Amino acid sequence: MRLQRMGRTINAFRSWMAETLSHAMGNPREEKMTIPPAIGPQPYSDIPKSAR
């Protein structure tokens, strides 16, 4: 009984440690999805309207 509880505790610690390292190191797949916008002048794409 005691060994089972200790085994579960060790497994819980291992999964917590893996998740912590995953957050600390970053996930390249997630980082590619959150690319920041380009910096610098952007092409003008608004349709001009008359001032009337």
C-alpha atoms as a PDB file:
ATOM      1  CA  MET A   1       0.000   0.000   0.000  1.00  0.00           C
ATOM      2  CA  ARG A   2       2.723   2.432   0.955  1.00  0.00           C
ATOM      3  CA  LEU A   3       4.780   1.610  -2.164  1.00  0.00           C
ATOM      4  CA  GLN A   4       1.765   2.228  -4.407  1.00  0.00           C
ATOM      5  CA  ARG A   5       1.193   5.633  -2.825  1.00  0.00           C
ATOM      6  CA  MET A   6       4.873   6.501  -3.190  1.00  0.00           C
ATOM      7  CA  GLY A   7       4.795   5.371  -6.836  1.00  0.00           C
ATOM      8  CA  ARG A   8       1.800   7.605  -7.548  1.00  0.00           C
ATOM      9  CA  THR A   9       3.548  10.511  -5.844  1.00  0.00           C
ATOM     10  CA  ILE A  10       6.674   9.980  -7.936  1.00  0.00           C
ATOM     11  CA  ASN A  11       4.609   9.733 -11.138  1.00  0.00           C
ATOM     12  CA  ALA A  12       2.708  12.892 -10.238  1.00  0.00           C
ATOM     13  CA  PHE A  13       6.002  14.683  -9.602  1.00  0.00           C
ATOM     14  CA  ARG A  14       7.428  13.450 -12.929  1.00  0.00           C
ATOM     15  CA  SER A  15       4.388  14.672 -14.887  1.00  0.00           C
ATOM     16  CA  TRP A  16       4.471  18.015 -13.038  1.00  0.00           C
ATOM     17  CA  MET A  17       8.178  18.365 -13.822  1.00  0.00           C
ATOM     18  CA  ALA A  18       7.615  17.533 -17.514  1.00  0.00           C
ATOM     19  CA  GLU A  19       4.824  20.100 -17.772  1.00  0.00           C
ATOM     20  CA  THR A  20       6.949  22.723 -15.998  1.00  0.00           C
ATOM     21  CA  LEU A  21       9.872  22.156 -18.367  1.00  0.00           C
ATOM     22  CA  SER A  22       7.520  22.287 -21.338  1.00  0.00           C
ATOM     23  CA  HIS A  23       6.291  25.720 -20.247  1.00  0.00           C
ATOM     24  CA  ALA A  24       9.793  26.961 -19.412  1.00  0.00           C
ATOM     25  CA  MET A  25      11.412  25.819 -22.667  1.00  0.00           C
ATOM     26  CA  GLY A  26       8.503  26.786 -24.889  1.00  0.00           C
ATOM     27  CA  ASN A  27       6.613  24.841 -27.501  1.00  0.00           C
ATOM     28  CA  PRO A  28       7.893  25.567 -31.034  1.00  0.00           C
ATOM     29  CA  ARG A  29       4.552  24.550 -32.563  1.00  0.00           C
ATOM     30  CA  GLU A  30       2.681  27.111 -30.427  1.00  0.00           C
ATOM     31  CA  GLU A  31       5.293  29.788 -31.046  1.00  0.00           C
ATOM     32  CA  LYS A  32       4.895  29.465 -34.821  1.00  0.00           C
ATOM     33  CA  MET A  33       1.151  30.082 -34.463  1.00  0.00           C
ATOM     34  CA  THR A  34       1.691  33.358 -32.580  1.00  0.00           C
ATOM     35  CA  ILE A  35       4.010  35.195 -34.961  1.00  0.00           C
ATOM     36  CA  PRO A  36       4.015  38.944 -34.245  1.00  0.00           C
ATOM     37  CA  PRO A  37       3.015  41.380 -37.002  1.00  0.00           C
ATOM     38  CA  ALA A  38       5.647  42.772 -39.330  1.00  0.00           C
ATOM     39  CA  ILE A  39       7.424  45.897 -38.116  1.00  0.00           C
ATOM     40  CA  GLY A  40       7.836  48.888 -40.403  1.00  0.00           C
ATOM     41  CA  PRO A  41       5.755  50.631 -43.047  1.00  0.00           C
ATOM     42  CA  GLN A  42       2.830  48.621 -44.303  1.00  0.00           C
ATOM     43  CA  PRO A  43       1.239  48.984 -47.738  1.00  0.00           C
ATOM     44  CA  TYR A  44      -1.787  51.275 -47.860  1.00  0.00           C
ATOM     45  CA  SER A  45      -4.855  49.097 -48.306  1.00  0.00           C
ATOM     46  CA  ASP A  46      -7.770  51.353 -47.325  1.00  0.00           C
ATOM     47  CA  ILE A  47     -10.285  52.361 -50.015  1.00  0.00           C
ATOM     48  CA  PRO A  48     -10.317  56.178 -50.213  1.00  0.00           C
ATOM     49  CA  LYS A  49     -13.726  57.829 -49.823  1.00  0.00           C
ATOM     50  CA  SER A  50     -14.729  61.262 -50.957  1.00  0.00           C
ATOM     51  CA  ALA A  51     -15.022  64.000 -48.323  1.00  0.00           C
ATOM     52  CA  ARG A  52     -18.583  64.859 -49.340  1.00  0.00           C
END
